[in-house]
């Protein structure tokens, strides 16, 4: 991708797009996503942010055994969403919808979790 970005950058009308910088930012963002230690940190953040939510549970990283290439975490017992969706009464549907929407909005609006610290297009 970087070679193509450099070639496109040679075209005078495309210089303003800074493709090599965008590709570099993208590569950096993707590299951080490949680190299982970063995933463990995100799990810690989820657990902290949702500690008061009894219906939302995340695995907990076992830090002595976490590295960039290994992530050991707890097993959390759960019920598949299909179990609730197959129920004949709508009460489970409304609870599931409320929990899902509340969790999503908390992540986006309160915790600012969806927006990564560095986006591939941060140069724009």
PDB file of N, CA and C in Angstrom:
ATOM      1  N   UNK A   1       0.823  -1.188   0.000  1.00  0.00           N
ATOM      2  CA  UNK A   1       0.000   0.000   0.000  1.00  0.00           C
ATOM      3  C   UNK A   1       0.867   1.252   0.000  1.00  0.00           C
ATOM      4  N   UNK A   2       1.977   1.177   0.744  1.00  0.00           N
ATOM      5  CA  UNK A   2       2.830   2.351   0.853  1.00  0.00           C
ATOM      6  C   UNK A   2       3.455   2.686  -0.504  1.00  0.00           C
ATOM      7  N   UNK A   3       3.859   1.663  -1.259  1.00  0.00           N
ATOM      8  CA  UNK A   3       4.464   1.895  -2.582  1.00  0.00           C
ATOM      9  C   UNK A   3       3.450   2.552  -3.516  1.00  0.00           C
ATOM     10  N   UNK A   4       2.230   2.054  -3.521  1.00  0.00           N
ATOM     11  CA  UNK A   4       1.173   2.652  -4.352  1.00  0.00           C
ATOM     12  C   UNK A   4       0.904   4.081  -3.913  1.00  0.00           C
ATOM     13  N   UNK A   5       0.887   4.323  -2.607  1.00  0.00           N
ATOM     14  CA  UNK A   5       0.657   5.678  -2.089  1.00  0.00           C
ATOM     15  C   UNK A   5       1.761   6.625  -2.543  1.00  0.00           C
ATOM     16  N   UNK A   6       3.010   6.151  -2.515  1.00  0.00           N
ATOM     17  CA  UNK A   6       4.125   6.979  -2.975  1.00  0.00           C
ATOM     18  C   UNK A   6       4.002   7.281  -4.466  1.00  0.00           C
ATOM     19  N   UNK A   7       3.575   6.288  -5.247  1.00  0.00           N
ATOM     20  CA  UNK A   7       3.401   6.507  -6.685  1.00  0.00           C
ATOM     21  C   UNK A   7       2.289   7.511  -6.964  1.00  0.00           C
ATOM     22  N   UNK A   8       1.183   7.390  -6.253  1.00  0.00           N
ATOM     23  CA  UNK A   8       0.072   8.326  -6.427  1.00  0.00           C
ATOM     24  C   UNK A   8       0.506   9.726  -6.002  1.00  0.00           C
ATOM     25  N   UNK A   9       1.340   9.806  -4.983  1.00  0.00           N
ATOM     26  CA  UNK A   9       1.811  11.100  -4.489  1.00  0.00           C
ATOM     27  C   UNK A   9       2.675  11.830  -5.522  1.00  0.00           C
ATOM     28  N   UNK A  10       3.239  11.076  -6.470  1.00  0.00           N
ATOM     29  CA  UNK A  10       4.050  11.687  -7.534  1.00  0.00           C
ATOM     30  C   UNK A  10       3.196  12.437  -8.557  1.00  0.00           C
ATOM     31  N   UNK A  11       1.918  12.119  -8.626  1.00  0.00           N
ATOM     32  CA  UNK A  11       1.015  12.804  -9.557  1.00  0.00           C
ATOM     33  C   UNK A  11       0.699  14.171  -8.956  1.00  0.00           C
ATOM     34  N   UNK A  12       1.038  15.251  -9.667  1.00  0.00           N
ATOM     35  CA  UNK A  12       0.889  16.601  -9.096  1.00  0.00           C
ATOM     36  C   UNK A  12      -0.517  16.919  -8.575  1.00  0.00           C
ATOM     37  N   UNK A  13      -1.529  16.470  -9.236  1.00  0.00           N
ATOM     38  CA  UNK A  13      -2.888  16.820  -8.802  1.00  0.00           C
ATOM     39  C   UNK A  13      -3.338  16.040  -7.559  1.00  0.00           C
ATOM     40  N   UNK A  14      -2.561  15.032  -7.140  1.00  0.00           N
ATOM     41  CA  UNK A  14      -2.931  14.231  -5.967  1.00  0.00           C
ATOM     42  C   UNK A  14      -2.055  14.506  -4.744  1.00  0.00           C
ATOM     43  N   UNK A  15      -1.080  15.400  -4.872  1.00  0.00           N
ATOM     44  CA  UNK A  15      -0.169  15.679  -3.762  1.00  0.00           C
ATOM     45  C   UNK A  15      -0.907  16.099  -2.495  1.00  0.00           C
ATOM     46  N   UNK A  16      -1.940  16.891  -2.655  1.00  0.00           N
ATOM     47  CA  UNK A  16      -2.652  17.445  -1.499  1.00  0.00           C
ATOM     48  C   UNK A  16      -3.305  16.370  -0.634  1.00  0.00           C
ATOM     49  N   UNK A  17      -3.500  15.162  -1.186  1.00  0.00           N
ATOM     50  CA  UNK A  17      -4.147  14.093  -0.412  1.00  0.00           C
ATOM     51  C   UNK A  17      -3.212  13.443   0.600  1.00  0.00           C
ATOM     52  N   UNK A  18      -1.903  13.597   0.446  1.00  0.00           N
ATOM     53  CA  UNK A  18      -0.906  13.033   1.378  1.00  0.00           C
ATOM     54  C   UNK A  18      -1.128  11.536   1.602  1.00  0.00           C
ATOM     55  N   UNK A  19      -1.245  10.780   0.513  1.00  0.00           N
ATOM     56  CA  UNK A  19      -1.486   9.342   0.626  1.00  0.00           C
ATOM     57  C   UNK A  19      -0.437   8.609   1.464  1.00  0.00           C
ATOM     58  N   UNK A  20       0.859   8.909   1.330  1.00  0.00           N
ATOM     59  CA  UNK A  20       1.826   8.184   2.186  1.00  0.00           C
ATOM     60  C   UNK A  20       1.569   8.416   3.676  1.00  0.00           C
ATOM     61  N   UNK A  21       1.191   9.618   4.045  1.00  0.00           N
ATOM     62  CA  UNK A  21       0.897   9.890   5.458  1.00  0.00           C
ATOM     63  C   UNK A  21      -0.349   9.132   5.913  1.00  0.00           C
ATOM     64  N   UNK A  22      -1.356   9.112   5.067  1.00  0.00           N
ATOM     65  CA  UNK A  22      -2.592   8.388   5.399  1.00  0.00           C
ATOM     66  C   UNK A  22      -2.308   6.898   5.557  1.00  0.00           C
ATOM     67  N   UNK A  23      -1.521   6.337   4.636  1.00  0.00           N
ATOM     68  CA  UNK A  23      -1.179   4.915   4.718  1.00  0.00           C
ATOM     69  C   UNK A  23      -0.345   4.645   5.969  1.00  0.00           C
ATOM     70  N   UNK A  24       0.569   5.550   6.306  1.00  0.00           N
ATOM     71  CA  UNK A  24       1.363   5.398   7.525  1.00  0.00           C
ATOM     72  C   UNK A  24       0.500   5.402   8.771  1.00  0.00           C
ATOM     73  N   UNK A  25      -0.464   6.342   8.825  1.00  0.00           N
ATOM     74  CA  UNK A  25      -1.390   6.386   9.973  1.00  0.00           C
ATOM     75  C   UNK A  25      -2.223   5.121  10.047  1.00  0.00           C
ATOM     76  N   UNK A  26      -2.675   4.643   8.890  1.00  0.00           N
ATOM     77  CA  UNK A  26      -3.467   3.423   8.829  1.00  0.00           C
ATOM     78  C   UNK A  26      -2.642   2.234   9.327  1.00  0.00           C
ATOM     79  N   UNK A  27      -1.387   2.144   8.877  1.00  0.00           N
ATOM     80  CA  UNK A  27      -0.510   1.039   9.294  1.00  0.00           C
ATOM     81  C   UNK A  27      -0.283   1.071  10.800  1.00  0.00           C
ATOM     82  N   UNK A  28      -0.100   2.263  11.348  1.00  0.00           N
ATOM     83  CA  UNK A  28       0.106   2.388  12.795  1.00  0.00           C
ATOM     84  C   UNK A  28      -1.132   1.955  13.569  1.00  0.00           C
ATOM     85  N   UNK A  29      -2.303   2.376  13.076  1.00  0.00           N
ATOM     86  CA  UNK A  29      -3.554   1.994  13.735  1.00  0.00           C
ATOM     87  C   UNK A  29      -3.766   0.486  13.659  1.00  0.00           C
ATOM     88  N   UNK A  30      -3.469  -0.115  12.508  1.00  0.00           N
ATOM     89  CA  UNK A  30      -3.642  -1.558  12.351  1.00  0.00           C
ATOM     90  C   UNK A  30      -2.638  -2.329  13.215  1.00  0.00           C
ATOM     91  N   UNK A  31      -1.418  -1.830  13.324  1.00  0.00           N
ATOM     92  CA  UNK A  31      -0.414  -2.507  14.155  1.00  0.00           C
ATOM     93  C   UNK A  31      -0.852  -2.559  15.606  1.00  0.00           C
ATOM     94  N   UNK A  32      -1.431  -1.452  16.087  1.00  0.00           N
ATOM     95  CA  UNK A  32      -1.883  -1.450  17.482  1.00  0.00           C
ATOM     96  C   UNK A  32      -3.042  -2.412  17.681  1.00  0.00           C
ATOM     97  N   UNK A  33      -3.843  -2.636  16.629  1.00  0.00           N
ATOM     98  CA  UNK A  33      -4.958  -3.572  16.727  1.00  0.00           C
ATOM     99  C   UNK A  33      -4.471  -5.016  16.781  1.00  0.00           C
ATOM    100  N   UNK A  34      -3.283  -5.280  16.274  1.00  0.00           N
ATOM    101  CA  UNK A  34      -2.753  -6.642  16.257  1.00  0.00           C
ATOM    102  C   UNK A  34      -2.125  -7.048  17.584  1.00  0.00           C
ATOM    103  N   UNK A  35      -1.914  -6.111  18.473  1.00  0.00           N
ATOM    104  CA  UNK A  35      -1.317  -6.402  19.765  1.00  0.00           C
ATOM    105  C   UNK A  35      -2.382  -6.936  20.722  1.00  0.00           C
ATOM    106  N   UNK A  36      -2.191  -8.155  21.184  1.00  0.00           N
ATOM    107  CA  UNK A  36      -3.148  -8.733  22.125  1.00  0.00           C
ATOM    108  C   UNK A  36      -3.052  -8.057  23.486  1.00  0.00           C
ATOM    109  N   UNK A  37      -1.906  -7.450  23.809  1.00  0.00           N
ATOM    110  CA  UNK A  37      -1.802  -6.687  25.055  1.00  0.00           C
ATOM    111  C   UNK A  37      -2.733  -5.473  24.994  1.00  0.00           C
ATOM    112  N   UNK A  38      -2.834  -4.833  23.822  1.00  0.00           N
ATOM    113  CA  UNK A  38      -3.785  -3.725  23.663  1.00  0.00           C
ATOM    114  C   UNK A  38      -5.215  -4.210  23.819  1.00  0.00           C
ATOM    115  N   UNK A  39      -5.504  -5.385  23.296  1.00  0.00           N
ATOM    116  CA  UNK A  39      -6.843  -5.954  23.460  1.00  0.00           C
ATOM    117  C   UNK A  39      -7.141  -6.186  24.942  1.00  0.00           C
ATOM    118  N   UNK A  40      -6.141  -6.655  25.683  1.00  0.00           N
ATOM    119  CA  UNK A  40      -6.319  -6.840  27.125  1.00  0.00           C
ATOM    120  C   UNK A  40      -6.607  -5.525  27.824  1.00  0.00           C
ATOM    121  N   UNK A  41      -5.911  -4.463  27.432  1.00  0.00           N
ATOM    122  CA  UNK A  41      -6.160  -3.137  28.016  1.00  0.00           C
ATOM    123  C   UNK A  41      -7.574  -2.672  27.706  1.00  0.00           C
ATOM    124  N   UNK A  42      -8.045  -2.945  26.490  1.00  0.00           N
ATOM    125  CA  UNK A  42      -9.410  -2.560  26.130  1.00  0.00           C
ATOM    126  C   UNK A  42     -10.430  -3.352  26.948  1.00  0.00           C
ATOM    127  N   UNK A  43     -10.153  -4.633  27.196  1.00  0.00           N
ATOM    128  CA  UNK A  43     -11.043  -5.424  28.053  1.00  0.00           C
ATOM    129  C   UNK A  43     -11.090  -4.850  29.465  1.00  0.00           C
ATOM    130  N   UNK A  44      -9.927  -4.442  29.979  1.00  0.00           N
ATOM    131  CA  UNK A  44      -9.906  -3.793  31.297  1.00  0.00           C
ATOM    132  C   UNK A  44     -10.765  -2.528  31.282  1.00  0.00           C
ATOM    133  N   UNK A  45     -10.657  -1.766  30.212  1.00  0.00           N
ATOM    134  CA  UNK A  45     -11.439  -0.526  30.102  1.00  0.00           C
ATOM    135  C   UNK A  45     -12.935  -0.837  30.044  1.00  0.00           C
ATOM    136  N   UNK A  46     -13.308  -1.831  29.244  1.00  0.00           N
ATOM    137  CA  UNK A  46     -14.717  -2.235  29.193  1.00  0.00           C
ATOM    138  C   UNK A  46     -15.213  -2.648  30.573  1.00  0.00           C
ATOM    139  N   UNK A  47     -14.433  -3.480  31.261  1.00  0.00           N
ATOM    140  CA  UNK A  47     -14.848  -3.941  32.592  1.00  0.00           C
ATOM    141  C   UNK A  47     -15.004  -2.789  33.562  1.00  0.00           C
ATOM    142  N   UNK A  48     -14.128  -1.822  33.486  1.00  0.00           N
ATOM    143  CA  UNK A  48     -14.226  -0.654  34.360  1.00  0.00           C
ATOM    144  C   UNK A  48     -15.452   0.192  34.006  1.00  0.00           C
ATOM    145  N   UNK A  49     -15.625   0.458  32.715  1.00  0.00           N
ATOM    146  CA  UNK A  49     -16.732   1.309  32.266  1.00  0.00           C
ATOM    147  C   UNK A  49     -18.100   0.688  32.525  1.00  0.00           C
ATOM    148  N   UNK A  50     -18.175  -0.639  32.512  1.00  0.00           N
ATOM    149  CA  UNK A  50     -19.462  -1.316  32.675  1.00  0.00           C
ATOM    150  C   UNK A  50     -19.568  -2.030  34.023  1.00  0.00           C
ATOM    151  N   UNK A  51     -18.794  -1.611  35.005  1.00  0.00           N
ATOM    152  CA  UNK A  51     -18.811  -2.295  36.306  1.00  0.00           C
ATOM    153  C   UNK A  51     -20.160  -2.201  37.010  1.00  0.00           C
ATOM    154  N   UNK A  52     -20.963  -1.195  36.703  1.00  0.00           N
ATOM    155  CA  UNK A  52     -22.277  -1.041  37.342  1.00  0.00           C
ATOM    156  C   UNK A  52     -23.412  -1.654  36.526  1.00  0.00           C
ATOM    157  N   UNK A  53     -23.103  -2.313  35.429  1.00  0.00           N
ATOM    158  CA  UNK A  53     -24.118  -2.916  34.563  1.00  0.00           C
ATOM    159  C   UNK A  53     -24.131  -4.421  34.810  1.00  0.00           C
ATOM    160  N   UNK A  54     -25.173  -4.923  35.442  1.00  0.00           N
ATOM    161  CA  UNK A  54     -25.178  -6.341  35.793  1.00  0.00           C
ATOM    162  C   UNK A  54     -25.436  -7.253  34.594  1.00  0.00           C
ATOM    163  N   UNK A  55     -26.004  -6.731  33.503  1.00  0.00           N
ATOM    164  CA  UNK A  55     -26.319  -7.561  32.337  1.00  0.00           C
ATOM    165  C   UNK A  55     -25.252  -7.488  31.246  1.00  0.00           C
ATOM    166  N   UNK A  56     -24.192  -6.721  31.473  1.00  0.00           N
ATOM    167  CA  UNK A  56     -23.116  -6.602  30.485  1.00  0.00           C
ATOM    168  C   UNK A  56     -21.824  -7.050  31.159  1.00  0.00           C
ATOM    169  N   UNK A  57     -21.231  -8.132  30.619  1.00  0.00           N
ATOM    170  CA  UNK A  57     -20.037  -8.712  31.224  1.00  0.00           C
ATOM    171  C   UNK A  57     -19.001  -8.963  30.137  1.00  0.00           C
ATOM    172  N   UNK A  58     -17.755  -8.710  30.454  1.00  0.00           N
ATOM    173  CA  UNK A  58     -16.650  -8.952  29.525  1.00  0.00           C
ATOM    174  C   UNK A  58     -15.635  -9.857  30.203  1.00  0.00           C
ATOM    175  N   UNK A  59     -14.898 -10.641  29.423  1.00  0.00           N
ATOM    176  CA  UNK A  59     -13.820 -11.441  30.021  1.00  0.00           C
ATOM    177  C   UNK A  59     -12.770 -10.527  30.657  1.00  0.00           C
ATOM    178  N   UNK A  60     -12.067 -11.053  31.642  1.00  0.00           N
ATOM    179  CA  UNK A  60     -11.025 -10.289  32.320  1.00  0.00           C
ATOM    180  C   UNK A  60      -9.656 -10.849  31.932  1.00  0.00           C
ATOM    181  N   UNK A  61      -8.763  -9.993  31.446  1.00  0.00           N
ATOM    182  CA  UNK A  61      -7.423 -10.477  31.090  1.00  0.00           C
ATOM    183  C   UNK A  61      -6.671 -10.956  32.325  1.00  0.00           C
ATOM    184  N   UNK A  62      -5.911 -11.998  32.171  1.00  0.00           N
ATOM    185  CA  UNK A  62      -5.079 -12.536  33.238  1.00  0.00           C
ATOM    186  C   UNK A  62      -3.648 -12.055  32.981  1.00  0.00           C
ATOM    187  N   UNK A  63      -3.317 -10.870  33.526  1.00  0.00           N
ATOM    188  CA  UNK A  63      -2.127 -10.123  33.130  1.00  0.00           C
ATOM    189  C   UNK A  63      -0.796 -10.847  33.250  1.00  0.00           C
ATOM    190  N   UNK A  64      -0.592 -11.714  34.155  1.00  0.00           N
ATOM    191  CA  UNK A  64       0.727 -12.369  34.104  1.00  0.00           C
ATOM    192  C   UNK A  64       0.949 -13.146  32.801  1.00  0.00           C
ATOM    193  N   UNK A  65      -0.149 -13.492  32.114  1.00  0.00           N
ATOM    194  CA  UNK A  65      -0.046 -14.309  30.910  1.00  0.00           C
ATOM    195  C   UNK A  65      -0.486 -13.562  29.656  1.00  0.00           C
ATOM    196  N   UNK A  66      -0.413 -12.242  29.663  1.00  0.00           N
ATOM    197  CA  UNK A  66      -0.796 -11.433  28.509  1.00  0.00           C
ATOM    198  C   UNK A  66       0.451 -10.780  27.926  1.00  0.00           C
ATOM    199  N   UNK A  67       0.568 -10.862  26.603  1.00  0.00           N
ATOM    200  CA  UNK A  67       1.658 -10.183  25.895  1.00  0.00           C
ATOM    201  C   UNK A  67       1.115  -9.731  24.543  1.00  0.00           C
ATOM    202  N   UNK A  68       1.975  -9.190  23.700  1.00  0.00           N
ATOM    203  CA  UNK A  68       1.530  -8.769  22.367  1.00  0.00           C
ATOM    204  C   UNK A  68       1.024  -9.939  21.533  1.00  0.00           C
ATOM    205  N   UNK A  69       1.513 -11.152  21.836  1.00  0.00           N
ATOM    206  CA  UNK A  69       1.152 -12.317  21.029  1.00  0.00           C
ATOM    207  C   UNK A  69       0.237 -13.314  21.737  1.00  0.00           C
ATOM    208  N   UNK A  70      -0.005 -13.106  23.045  1.00  0.00           N
ATOM    209  CA  UNK A  70      -0.828 -14.041  23.828  1.00  0.00           C
ATOM    210  C   UNK A  70      -1.808 -13.256  24.692  1.00  0.00           C
ATOM    211  N   UNK A  71      -3.067 -13.705  24.697  1.00  0.00           N
ATOM    212  CA  UNK A  71      -4.073 -13.109  25.573  1.00  0.00           C
ATOM    213  C   UNK A  71      -4.808 -14.232  26.292  1.00  0.00           C
ATOM    214  N   UNK A  72      -4.586 -14.320  27.593  1.00  0.00           N
ATOM    215  CA  UNK A  72      -5.299 -15.288  28.428  1.00  0.00           C
ATOM    216  C   UNK A  72      -6.333 -14.489  29.202  1.00  0.00           C
ATOM    217  N   UNK A  73      -7.581 -14.949  29.146  1.00  0.00           N
ATOM    218  CA  UNK A  73      -8.672 -14.228  29.803  1.00  0.00           C
ATOM    219  C   UNK A  73      -9.614 -15.206  30.465  1.00  0.00           C
ATOM    220  N   UNK A  74     -10.461 -14.681  31.349  1.00  0.00           N
ATOM    221  CA  UNK A  74     -11.425 -15.522  32.053  1.00  0.00           C
ATOM    222  C   UNK A  74     -12.513 -15.975  31.087  1.00  0.00           C
ATOM    223  N   UNK A  75     -13.174 -17.056  31.447  1.00  0.00           N
ATOM    224  CA  UNK A  75     -14.333 -17.522  30.691  1.00  0.00           C
ATOM    225  C   UNK A  75     -15.574 -16.960  31.368  1.00  0.00           C
ATOM    226  N   UNK A  76     -16.400 -16.307  30.610  1.00  0.00           N
ATOM    227  CA  UNK A  76     -17.637 -15.737  31.147  1.00  0.00           C
ATOM    228  C   UNK A  76     -18.820 -16.520  30.597  1.00  0.00           C
ATOM    229  N   UNK A  77     -19.597 -17.068  31.489  1.00  0.00           N
ATOM    230  CA  UNK A  77     -20.796 -17.818  31.105  1.00  0.00           C
ATOM    231  C   UNK A  77     -21.825 -16.849  30.530  1.00  0.00           C
ATOM    232  N   UNK A  78     -22.453 -17.218  29.459  1.00  0.00           N
ATOM    233  CA  UNK A  78     -23.448 -16.340  28.861  1.00  0.00           C
ATOM    234  C   UNK A  78     -24.555 -17.129  28.193  1.00  0.00           C
ATOM    235  N   UNK A  79     -25.542 -16.408  27.711  1.00  0.00           N
ATOM    236  CA  UNK A  79     -26.663 -16.997  26.994  1.00  0.00           C
ATOM    237  C   UNK A  79     -26.678 -16.374  25.604  1.00  0.00           C
ATOM    238  N   UNK A  80     -26.720 -17.198  24.556  1.00  0.00           N
ATOM    239  CA  UNK A  80     -26.746 -16.641  23.202  1.00  0.00           C
ATOM    240  C   UNK A  80     -27.968 -15.742  22.989  1.00  0.00           C
ATOM    241  N   UNK A  81     -27.806 -14.705  22.199  1.00  0.00           N
ATOM    242  CA  UNK A  81     -28.908 -13.776  21.937  1.00  0.00           C
ATOM    243  C   UNK A  81     -30.082 -14.488  21.276  1.00  0.00           C
ATOM    244  N   UNK A  82     -29.803 -15.533  20.477  1.00  0.00           N
ATOM    245  CA  UNK A  82     -30.887 -16.272  19.822  1.00  0.00           C
ATOM    246  C   UNK A  82     -31.862 -16.868  20.830  1.00  0.00           C
ATOM    247  N   UNK A  83     -31.354 -17.206  22.008  1.00  0.00           N
ATOM    248  CA  UNK A  83     -32.230 -17.743  23.060  1.00  0.00           C
ATOM    249  C   UNK A  83     -33.341 -16.747  23.381  1.00  0.00           C
ATOM    250  N   UNK A  84     -32.982 -15.479  23.490  1.00  0.00           N
ATOM    251  CA  UNK A  84     -33.967 -14.450  23.817  1.00  0.00           C
ATOM    252  C   UNK A  84     -34.827 -14.097  22.609  1.00  0.00           C
ATOM    253  N   UNK A  85     -34.234 -14.112  21.437  1.00  0.00           N
ATOM    254  CA  UNK A  85     -34.973 -13.741  20.233  1.00  0.00           C
ATOM    255  C   UNK A  85     -36.018 -14.783  19.848  1.00  0.00           C
ATOM    256  N   UNK A  86     -35.826 -16.029  20.281  1.00  0.00           N
ATOM    257  CA  UNK A  86     -36.794 -17.093  19.977  1.00  0.00           C
ATOM    258  C   UNK A  86     -37.977 -17.131  20.930  1.00  0.00           C
ATOM    259  N   UNK A  87     -37.905 -16.369  22.014  1.00  0.00           N
ATOM    260  CA  UNK A  87     -38.991 -16.361  22.984  1.00  0.00           C
ATOM    261  C   UNK A  87     -40.251 -15.814  22.333  1.00  0.00           C
ATOM    262  N   UNK A  88     -41.391 -16.340  22.732  1.00  0.00           N
ATOM    263  CA  UNK A  88     -42.653 -15.933  22.113  1.00  0.00           C
ATOM    264  C   UNK A  88     -43.141 -14.580  22.623  1.00  0.00           C
ATOM    265  N   UNK A  89     -42.762 -14.207  23.831  1.00  0.00           N
ATOM    266  CA  UNK A  89     -43.215 -12.915  24.359  1.00  0.00           C
ATOM    267  C   UNK A  89     -42.207 -11.831  24.007  1.00  0.00           C
ATOM    268  N   UNK A  90     -42.686 -10.615  23.890  1.00  0.00           N
ATOM    269  CA  UNK A  90     -41.850  -9.503  23.508  1.00  0.00           C
ATOM    270  C   UNK A  90     -41.042  -8.898  24.636  1.00  0.00           C
ATOM    271  N   UNK A  91     -41.235  -9.383  25.888  1.00  0.00           N
ATOM    272  CA  UNK A  91     -40.534  -8.780  27.008  1.00  0.00           C
ATOM    273  C   UNK A  91     -39.017  -8.959  26.884  1.00  0.00           C
ATOM    274  N   UNK A  92     -38.584 -10.123  26.389  1.00  0.00           N
ATOM    275  CA  UNK A  92     -37.156 -10.347  26.210  1.00  0.00           C
ATOM    276  C   UNK A  92     -36.610  -9.462  25.095  1.00  0.00           C
ATOM    277  N   UNK A  93     -37.399  -9.265  24.048  1.00  0.00           N
ATOM    278  CA  UNK A  93     -36.964  -8.413  22.943  1.00  0.00           C
ATOM    279  C   UNK A  93     -36.735  -6.989  23.426  1.00  0.00           C
ATOM    280  N   UNK A  94     -37.635  -6.471  24.235  1.00  0.00           N
ATOM    281  CA  UNK A  94     -37.484  -5.093  24.708  1.00  0.00           C
ATOM    282  C   UNK A  94     -36.309  -4.975  25.693  1.00  0.00           C
ATOM    283  N   UNK A  95     -36.101  -5.977  26.547  1.00  0.00           N
ATOM    284  CA  UNK A  95     -34.955  -5.944  27.470  1.00  0.00           C
ATOM    285  C   UNK A  95     -33.641  -5.998  26.694  1.00  0.00           C
ATOM    286  N   UNK A  96     -33.596  -6.884  25.700  1.00  0.00           N
ATOM    287  CA  UNK A  96     -32.392  -7.020  24.889  1.00  0.00           C
ATOM    288  C   UNK A  96     -32.116  -5.726  24.126  1.00  0.00           C
ATOM    289  N   UNK A  97     -33.153  -5.147  23.555  1.00  0.00           N
ATOM    290  CA  UNK A  97     -32.999  -3.887  22.821  1.00  0.00           C
ATOM    291  C   UNK A  97     -32.536  -2.773  23.747  1.00  0.00           C
ATOM    292  N   UNK A  98     -33.126  -2.686  24.917  1.00  0.00           N
ATOM    293  CA  UNK A  98     -32.757  -1.630  25.874  1.00  0.00           C
ATOM    294  C   UNK A  98     -31.303  -1.786  26.319  1.00  0.00           C
ATOM    295  N   UNK A  99     -30.900  -3.017  26.649  1.00  0.00           N
ATOM    296  CA  UNK A  99     -29.527  -3.258  27.082  1.00  0.00           C
ATOM    297  C   UNK A  99     -28.536  -2.952  25.961  1.00  0.00           C
ATOM    298  N   UNK A 100     -28.864  -3.375  24.744  1.00  0.00           N
ATOM    299  CA  UNK A 100     -27.979  -3.145  23.606  1.00  0.00           C
ATOM    300  C   UNK A 100     -27.838  -1.663  23.305  1.00  0.00           C
ATOM    301  N   UNK A 101     -28.940  -0.954  23.236  1.00  0.00           N
ATOM    302  CA  UNK A 101     -28.909   0.478  22.909  1.00  0.00           C
ATOM    303  C   UNK A 101     -28.227   1.269  24.022  1.00  0.00           C
ATOM    304  N   UNK A 102     -28.559   0.961  25.268  1.00  0.00           N
ATOM    305  CA  UNK A 102     -27.946   1.655  26.401  1.00  0.00           C
ATOM    306  C   UNK A 102     -26.430   1.440  26.405  1.00  0.00           C
ATOM    307  N   UNK A 103     -25.995   0.219  26.183  1.00  0.00           N
ATOM    308  CA  UNK A 103     -24.557  -0.085  26.167  1.00  0.00           C
ATOM    309  C   UNK A 103     -23.860   0.634  25.023  1.00  0.00           C
ATOM    310  N   UNK A 104     -24.456   0.599  23.850  1.00  0.00           N
ATOM    311  CA  UNK A 104     -23.859   1.251  22.681  1.00  0.00           C
ATOM    312  C   UNK A 104     -23.749   2.759  22.893  1.00  0.00           C
ATOM    313  N   UNK A 105     -24.824   3.385  23.347  1.00  0.00           N
ATOM    314  CA  UNK A 105     -24.803   4.829  23.565  1.00  0.00           C
ATOM    315  C   UNK A 105     -23.819   5.221  24.667  1.00  0.00           C
ATOM    316  N   UNK A 106     -23.709   4.388  25.698  1.00  0.00           N
ATOM    317  CA  UNK A 106     -22.728   4.653  26.756  1.00  0.00           C
ATOM    318  C   UNK A 106     -21.324   4.628  26.170  1.00  0.00           C
ATOM    319  N   UNK A 107     -21.033   3.616  25.350  1.00  0.00           N
ATOM    320  CA  UNK A 107     -19.711   3.512  24.743  1.00  0.00           C
ATOM    321  C   UNK A 107     -19.403   4.724  23.865  1.00  0.00           C
ATOM    322  N   UNK A 108     -20.370   5.160  23.065  1.00  0.00           N
ATOM    323  CA  UNK A 108     -20.130   6.242  22.109  1.00  0.00           C
ATOM    324  C   UNK A 108     -20.158   7.610  22.780  1.00  0.00           C
ATOM    325  N   UNK A 109     -21.218   7.894  23.535  1.00  0.00           N
ATOM    326  CA  UNK A 109     -21.426   9.240  24.055  1.00  0.00           C
ATOM    327  C   UNK A 109     -20.722   9.505  25.384  1.00  0.00           C
ATOM    328  N   UNK A 110     -20.765   8.541  26.289  1.00  0.00           N
ATOM    329  CA  UNK A 110     -20.193   8.770  27.615  1.00  0.00           C
ATOM    330  C   UNK A 110     -18.706   8.401  27.677  1.00  0.00           C
ATOM    331  N   UNK A 111     -18.351   7.235  27.132  1.00  0.00           N
ATOM    332  CA  UNK A 111     -16.978   6.745  27.243  1.00  0.00           C
ATOM    333  C   UNK A 111     -16.107   7.128  26.054  1.00  0.00           C
ATOM    334  N   UNK A 112     -16.713   7.635  24.972  1.00  0.00           N
ATOM    335  CA  UNK A 112     -15.988   7.996  23.751  1.00  0.00           C
ATOM    336  C   UNK A 112     -15.116   6.832  23.294  1.00  0.00           C
ATOM    337  N   UNK A 113     -15.682   5.637  23.320  1.00  0.00           N
ATOM    338  CA  UNK A 113     -14.887   4.442  23.056  1.00  0.00           C
ATOM    339  C   UNK A 113     -14.775   4.108  21.582  1.00  0.00           C
ATOM    340  N   UNK A 114     -15.771   4.422  20.790  1.00  0.00           N
ATOM    341  CA  UNK A 114     -15.778   4.028  19.383  1.00  0.00           C
ATOM    342  C   UNK A 114     -14.692   4.748  18.598  1.00  0.00           C
ATOM    343  N   UNK A 115     -14.426   6.003  18.929  1.00  0.00           N
ATOM    344  CA  UNK A 115     -13.431   6.781  18.200  1.00  0.00           C
ATOM    345  C   UNK A 115     -12.055   6.418  18.740  1.00  0.00           C
ATOM    346  N   UNK A 116     -11.213   5.740  17.912  1.00  0.00           N
ATOM    347  CA  UNK A 116      -9.875   5.382  18.392  1.00  0.00           C
ATOM    348  C   UNK A 116      -9.010   6.618  18.577  1.00  0.00           C
ATOM    349  N   UNK A 117      -7.951   6.472  19.356  1.00  0.00           N
ATOM    350  CA  UNK A 117      -7.081   7.609  19.629  1.00  0.00           C
ATOM    351  C   UNK A 117      -6.402   8.111  18.360  1.00  0.00           C
ATOM    352  N   UNK A 118      -6.114   7.222  17.428  1.00  0.00           N
ATOM    353  CA  UNK A 118      -5.566   7.625  16.139  1.00  0.00           C
ATOM    354  C   UNK A 118      -6.355   6.934  15.050  1.00  0.00           C
ATOM    355  N   UNK A 119      -7.000   7.712  14.213  1.00  0.00           N
ATOM    356  CA  UNK A 119      -7.751   7.145  13.100  1.00  0.00           C
ATOM    357  C   UNK A 119      -6.869   7.168  11.856  1.00  0.00           C
ATOM    358  N   UNK A 120      -7.137   6.312  10.888  1.00  0.00           N
ATOM    359  CA  UNK A 120      -6.338   6.306   9.673  1.00  0.00           C
ATOM    360  C   UNK A 120      -6.377   7.637   8.926  1.00  0.00           C
ATOM    361  N   UNK A 121      -7.413   8.434   9.152  1.00  0.00           N
ATOM    362  CA  UNK A 121      -7.565   9.681   8.411  1.00  0.00           C
ATOM    363  C   UNK A 121      -7.374  10.886   9.306  1.00  0.00           C
ATOM    364  N   UNK A 122      -6.533  10.750  10.335  1.00  0.00           N
ATOM    365  CA  UNK A 122      -6.351  11.849  11.270  1.00  0.00           C
ATOM    366  C   UNK A 122      -5.681  13.055  10.627  1.00  0.00           C
ATOM    367  N   UNK A 123      -5.069  12.865   9.459  1.00  0.00           N
ATOM    368  CA  UNK A 123      -4.397  13.994   8.821  1.00  0.00           C
ATOM    369  C   UNK A 123      -5.352  14.926   8.123  1.00  0.00           C
ATOM    370  N   UNK A 124      -6.617  14.536   7.966  1.00  0.00           N
ATOM    371  CA  UNK A 124      -7.576  15.399   7.264  1.00  0.00           C
ATOM    372  C   UNK A 124      -8.194  16.391   8.190  1.00  0.00           C
TER     373      UNK A 124
END
